[in-house]
Amino acid sequence: MKTVIGFDNKEHEVVTEPKTECESYVIDEIFYHAENHLVVGTSAHLYPLLRMAKAVGARAYGEKYRKTTGLPYEDHLTEVYRLCSHYKFSHGNDAMYAAAVLHDYLEDAVKRGNDQKTTTQWMKTTFGYPVTTLVVEMTNDKKNEEGLYPKKDGESEVKWINKIDYINWKLSNMSSEAFFLKLLDMLSNLGDADTLPKLVQRIRSQMNYINDNMETLFLSKLSTDHKIIIGEINRILREIYKE
């Protein structure tokens, strides 16, 4: 019998198949148990959400590599988490650490054919609302056949807009915590500037929008750490584009 250490630091039998719909959830043909399926090690009570997120990330991205660099995609997720743990704004925040690791998970799950609503509900059950909300905030909705994205005005009205306007709208409507993680994601991606020129170009466009609206749309979101990261991203972009 295979066992793992649960939140209570006691051994629990690993759930290998679902007994009821409430006990287990199936994502990517892997069975996950809501309480103890991924938590391992004697210090599991420290940052349990992060530990679960790392395990989910390892399974989802263990064989995935960036097409341009050939480096494991998991390295990017780890870097965003490590950056997150460095700053006072997010230091010790288990939910933000987990969301840093999972920031691409929901979007990628949909690309693999999983239902977004079902996957979101699974995340809520497994990681809780704070983690899931942050990941949802950083996830782009699906575009329509014309390549346009939905901008939701009010409860039901939807306006379809182009990708640039959609991303800028998402940025300006993020919580301070999600915006912080998005900035760290940008900062990490700039490390691949030589091999990901289109991504860097998109980051440059986003930063121009942020810089132009710093004192209006983004003012209420900014901590000292936000401003430090924005300054670093701008510095790197100036070096890349020799401005």
Protein backbone atom coordinates (compact mmCIF):
# COMPACT_ATOMS: atom_id res chain seq x y z
CA MET A 1 0.00 0.00 0.00
CA LYS A 2 1.39 3.40 -1.00
CA THR A 3 0.94 6.20 1.50
CA VAL A 4 1.64 9.91 1.76
CA ILE A 5 1.91 12.35 4.64
CA GLY A 6 -1.23 14.45 4.98
CA PHE A 7 -1.85 17.90 6.45
CA ASP A 8 -2.00 16.32 9.90
CA ASN A 9 1.50 14.77 9.39
CA LYS A 10 -0.03 11.27 9.56
CA GLU A 11 0.16 8.60 6.89
CA HIS A 12 -2.78 8.27 4.52
CA GLU A 13 -3.45 5.75 1.79
CA VAL A 14 -3.11 7.22 -1.70
CA VAL A 15 -6.39 7.37 -3.57
CA THR A 16 -5.78 5.65 -6.92
CA GLU A 17 -9.33 5.74 -8.21
CA PRO A 18 -12.40 7.80 -7.34
CA LYS A 19 -14.78 6.40 -4.74
CA THR A 20 -17.30 9.22 -4.95
CA GLU A 21 -17.50 12.41 -6.96
CA CYS A 22 -16.99 14.39 -3.77
CA GLU A 23 -13.79 12.63 -2.76
CA SER A 24 -11.82 12.64 -6.01
CA TYR A 25 -11.58 14.67 -9.19
CA VAL A 26 -10.19 13.67 -12.58
CA ILE A 27 -8.03 16.14 -14.49
CA ASP A 28 -5.80 15.06 -17.38
CA GLU A 29 -6.55 11.40 -16.57
CA ILE A 30 -4.95 11.77 -13.12
CA PHE A 31 -6.93 11.22 -9.93
CA TYR A 32 -6.53 13.91 -7.28
CA HIS A 33 -7.78 13.67 -3.75
CA ALA A 34 -8.84 16.94 -2.18
CA GLU A 35 -7.06 16.41 1.16
CA ASN A 36 -3.89 14.37 0.96
CA HIS A 37 -3.16 13.29 -2.61
CA LEU A 38 -0.20 15.57 -3.26
CA VAL A 39 1.11 16.66 0.12
CA VAL A 40 4.35 14.87 0.93
CA GLY A 41 7.15 15.31 3.44
CA THR A 42 7.20 15.93 7.17
CA SER A 43 6.91 19.71 6.74
CA ALA A 44 3.72 19.48 4.69
CA HIS A 45 1.95 21.86 7.06
CA LEU A 46 4.19 24.68 5.82
CA TYR A 47 2.76 26.28 2.67
CA PRO A 48 0.49 23.34 1.79
CA LEU A 49 -1.06 25.18 -1.18
CA LEU A 50 2.37 25.78 -2.67
CA ARG A 51 3.31 22.14 -2.22
CA MET A 52 0.16 20.98 -3.97
CA ALA A 53 0.67 23.54 -6.75
CA LYS A 54 4.22 22.31 -7.35
CA ALA A 55 3.01 18.73 -7.60
CA VAL A 56 0.22 19.64 -10.01
CA GLY A 57 2.66 21.74 -12.04
CA ALA A 58 5.19 18.90 -12.18
CA ARG A 59 2.55 16.53 -13.55
CA ALA A 60 1.11 19.03 -16.02
CA TYR A 61 4.41 20.46 -17.28
CA GLY A 62 6.96 17.76 -16.54
CA GLU A 63 7.34 16.88 -20.22
CA LYS A 64 6.70 20.34 -21.65
CA TYR A 65 9.53 22.45 -23.05
CA ARG A 66 9.66 25.89 -24.62
CA LYS A 67 9.83 25.44 -28.39
CA THR A 68 12.34 28.25 -28.80
CA THR A 69 14.75 27.68 -25.90
CA GLY A 70 14.31 23.93 -25.32
CA LEU A 71 14.25 24.63 -21.58
CA PRO A 72 11.68 22.97 -19.31
CA TYR A 73 8.54 25.10 -19.04
CA GLU A 74 8.45 24.24 -15.36
CA ASP A 75 11.57 26.40 -14.91
CA HIS A 76 9.50 29.48 -15.78
CA LEU A 77 6.83 28.60 -13.23
CA THR A 78 9.47 28.04 -10.56
CA GLU A 79 11.11 31.36 -11.36
CA VAL A 80 7.84 33.28 -11.01
CA TYR A 81 7.29 31.65 -7.61
CA ARG A 82 10.85 32.43 -6.47
CA LEU A 83 10.44 36.06 -7.51
CA CYS A 84 7.14 36.12 -5.62
CA SER A 85 8.83 34.87 -2.44
CA HIS A 86 11.50 37.56 -2.70
CA TYR A 87 9.28 40.63 -2.27
CA LYS A 88 7.68 41.91 0.91
CA PHE A 89 4.31 42.44 -0.80
CA SER A 90 3.86 38.68 -1.29
CA HIS A 91 6.30 37.23 1.23
CA GLY A 92 4.78 34.30 3.13
CA ASN A 93 1.51 34.41 1.16
CA ASP A 94 0.76 30.74 0.46
CA ALA A 95 -2.10 31.52 -1.95
CA MET A 96 0.05 33.86 -4.04
CA TYR A 97 2.89 31.32 -4.10
CA ALA A 98 0.52 28.62 -5.38
CA ALA A 99 -1.02 30.97 -7.96
CA ALA A 100 2.47 31.91 -9.15
CA VAL A 101 3.14 28.25 -9.96
CA LEU A 102 -0.31 27.69 -11.51
CA HIS A 103 -0.74 30.98 -13.36
CA ASP A 104 -0.88 29.27 -16.78
CA TYR A 105 -2.60 26.07 -15.66
CA LEU A 106 -6.23 26.92 -16.37
CA GLU A 107 -5.53 28.40 -19.80
CA ASP A 108 -3.37 25.42 -20.76
CA ALA A 109 -5.97 22.95 -19.48
CA VAL A 110 -8.55 24.52 -21.80
CA LYS A 111 -6.11 24.33 -24.73
CA ARG A 112 -5.77 20.60 -24.01
CA GLY A 113 -9.53 20.21 -24.36
CA ASN A 114 -10.65 20.35 -20.72
CA ASP A 115 -13.79 22.27 -19.85
CA GLN A 116 -12.91 25.61 -18.23
CA LYS A 117 -15.86 25.63 -15.82
CA THR A 118 -15.13 22.09 -14.62
CA THR A 119 -11.41 22.76 -14.20
CA THR A 120 -12.10 26.01 -12.35
CA GLN A 121 -14.44 24.20 -9.95
CA TRP A 122 -11.80 21.53 -9.35
CA MET A 123 -9.26 24.22 -8.54
CA LYS A 124 -11.68 25.85 -6.08
CA THR A 125 -12.22 22.50 -4.36
CA THR A 126 -8.52 21.62 -4.24
CA PHE A 127 -6.82 24.99 -3.71
CA GLY A 128 -9.62 27.23 -2.47
CA TYR A 129 -11.06 30.49 -3.76
CA PRO A 130 -8.05 32.80 -3.19
CA VAL A 131 -5.72 30.72 -5.39
CA THR A 132 -8.34 30.02 -8.03
CA THR A 133 -9.43 33.66 -8.22
CA LEU A 134 -5.87 34.80 -8.85
CA VAL A 135 -5.37 32.18 -11.59
CA VAL A 136 -8.69 33.11 -13.23
CA GLU A 137 -7.69 36.78 -13.20
CA MET A 138 -4.50 35.90 -15.09
CA THR A 139 -6.28 33.62 -17.59
CA ASN A 140 -7.40 34.85 -20.99
CA ASP A 141 -10.86 33.87 -22.13
CA LYS A 142 -11.27 31.90 -25.35
CA LYS A 143 -11.36 33.96 -28.53
CA ASN A 144 -14.16 33.56 -31.05
CA GLU A 145 -13.88 32.44 -34.66
CA GLU A 146 -13.01 36.00 -35.72
CA GLY A 147 -10.08 36.14 -33.29
CA LEU A 148 -11.82 38.56 -30.91
CA TYR A 149 -11.95 38.32 -27.11
CA PRO A 150 -14.92 38.94 -24.79
CA LYS A 151 -15.01 42.09 -22.70
CA LYS A 152 -17.71 41.70 -20.09
CA ASP A 153 -19.65 44.86 -19.26
CA GLY A 154 -21.95 44.22 -16.33
CA GLU A 155 -23.62 40.90 -15.62
CA SER A 156 -24.40 39.65 -19.11
CA GLU A 157 -23.46 42.14 -21.83
CA VAL A 158 -20.37 41.09 -23.80
CA LYS A 159 -18.40 43.20 -26.26
CA TRP A 160 -15.89 41.47 -28.55
CA ILE A 161 -12.58 43.30 -28.89
CA ASN A 162 -9.11 42.67 -30.35
CA LYS A 163 -6.36 40.97 -28.34
CA ILE A 164 -4.36 44.09 -27.49
CA ASP A 165 -7.39 45.94 -26.13
CA TYR A 166 -8.53 42.80 -24.31
CA ILE A 167 -5.19 42.28 -22.54
CA ASN A 168 -5.06 45.95 -21.53
CA TRP A 169 -8.62 45.71 -20.20
CA LYS A 170 -7.67 42.60 -18.21
CA LEU A 171 -4.61 44.34 -16.75
CA SER A 172 -6.58 47.37 -15.61
CA ASN A 173 -9.22 45.18 -13.93
CA MET A 174 -6.86 42.85 -12.03
CA SER A 175 -6.61 42.91 -8.27
CA SER A 176 -3.38 44.25 -6.81
CA GLU A 177 -2.23 40.67 -6.08
CA ALA A 178 -2.97 39.33 -9.57
CA PHE A 179 -1.35 42.39 -11.15
CA PHE A 180 1.75 41.76 -9.04
CA LEU A 181 1.97 38.15 -10.28
CA LYS A 182 1.44 39.33 -13.87
CA LEU A 183 4.38 41.72 -13.52
CA LEU A 184 6.56 38.88 -12.21
CA ASP A 185 5.44 36.73 -15.15
CA MET A 186 6.56 39.51 -17.53
CA LEU A 187 9.87 39.88 -15.73
CA SER A 188 10.55 36.16 -15.97
CA ASN A 189 9.64 36.01 -19.66
CA LEU A 190 12.05 38.83 -20.48
CA GLY A 191 14.84 36.39 -19.64
CA ASP A 192 14.04 34.67 -22.95
CA ALA A 193 14.11 37.89 -24.96
CA ASP A 194 16.50 36.55 -27.60
CA THR A 195 14.33 33.55 -28.43
CA LEU A 196 10.83 34.90 -27.77
CA PRO A 197 10.72 38.21 -29.71
CA LYS A 198 6.93 38.18 -30.21
CA LEU A 199 6.37 37.71 -26.48
CA VAL A 200 8.76 40.54 -25.66
CA GLN A 201 6.98 42.77 -28.15
CA ARG A 202 3.68 42.01 -26.40
CA ILE A 203 5.23 42.78 -23.01
CA ARG A 204 6.48 46.08 -24.38
CA SER A 205 2.97 46.97 -25.55
CA GLN A 206 1.52 46.07 -22.14
CA MET A 207 4.14 48.11 -20.31
CA ASN A 208 3.49 51.14 -22.52
CA TYR A 209 -0.16 50.90 -21.50
CA ILE A 210 0.74 50.55 -17.82
CA ASN A 211 3.21 53.46 -17.95
CA ASP A 212 0.68 55.70 -19.71
CA ASN A 213 -1.99 54.94 -17.09
CA MET A 214 0.19 54.63 -13.99
CA GLU A 215 -1.37 57.58 -12.18
CA THR A 216 -4.95 56.72 -13.09
CA LEU A 217 -6.04 53.12 -13.79
CA PHE A 218 -3.21 51.45 -11.88
CA LEU A 219 -2.57 53.87 -9.02
CA SER A 220 -4.74 52.04 -6.48
CA LYS A 221 -2.99 48.71 -7.22
CA LEU A 222 0.58 49.85 -6.69
CA SER A 223 2.74 49.05 -3.68
CA THR A 224 6.40 49.96 -3.43
CA ASP A 225 7.27 46.49 -4.72
CA HIS A 226 5.01 46.92 -7.76
CA LYS A 227 6.86 50.11 -8.63
CA ILE A 228 10.25 48.43 -8.21
CA ILE A 229 9.30 45.61 -10.59
CA ILE A 230 7.80 48.01 -13.13
CA GLY A 231 11.04 49.99 -13.04
CA GLU A 232 13.09 46.82 -13.63
CA ILE A 233 10.92 45.71 -16.54
CA ASN A 234 11.20 49.15 -18.13
CA ARG A 235 14.98 49.08 -17.69
CA ILE A 236 15.28 45.69 -19.41
CA LEU A 237 13.02 46.79 -22.26
CA ARG A 238 15.14 49.91 -22.81
CA GLU A 239 18.22 47.70 -23.06
CA ILE A 240 16.52 45.32 -25.48
CA TYR A 241 15.25 48.07 -27.76
CA LYS A 242 18.27 50.33 -27.12
CA GLU A 243 16.08 53.28 -26.19
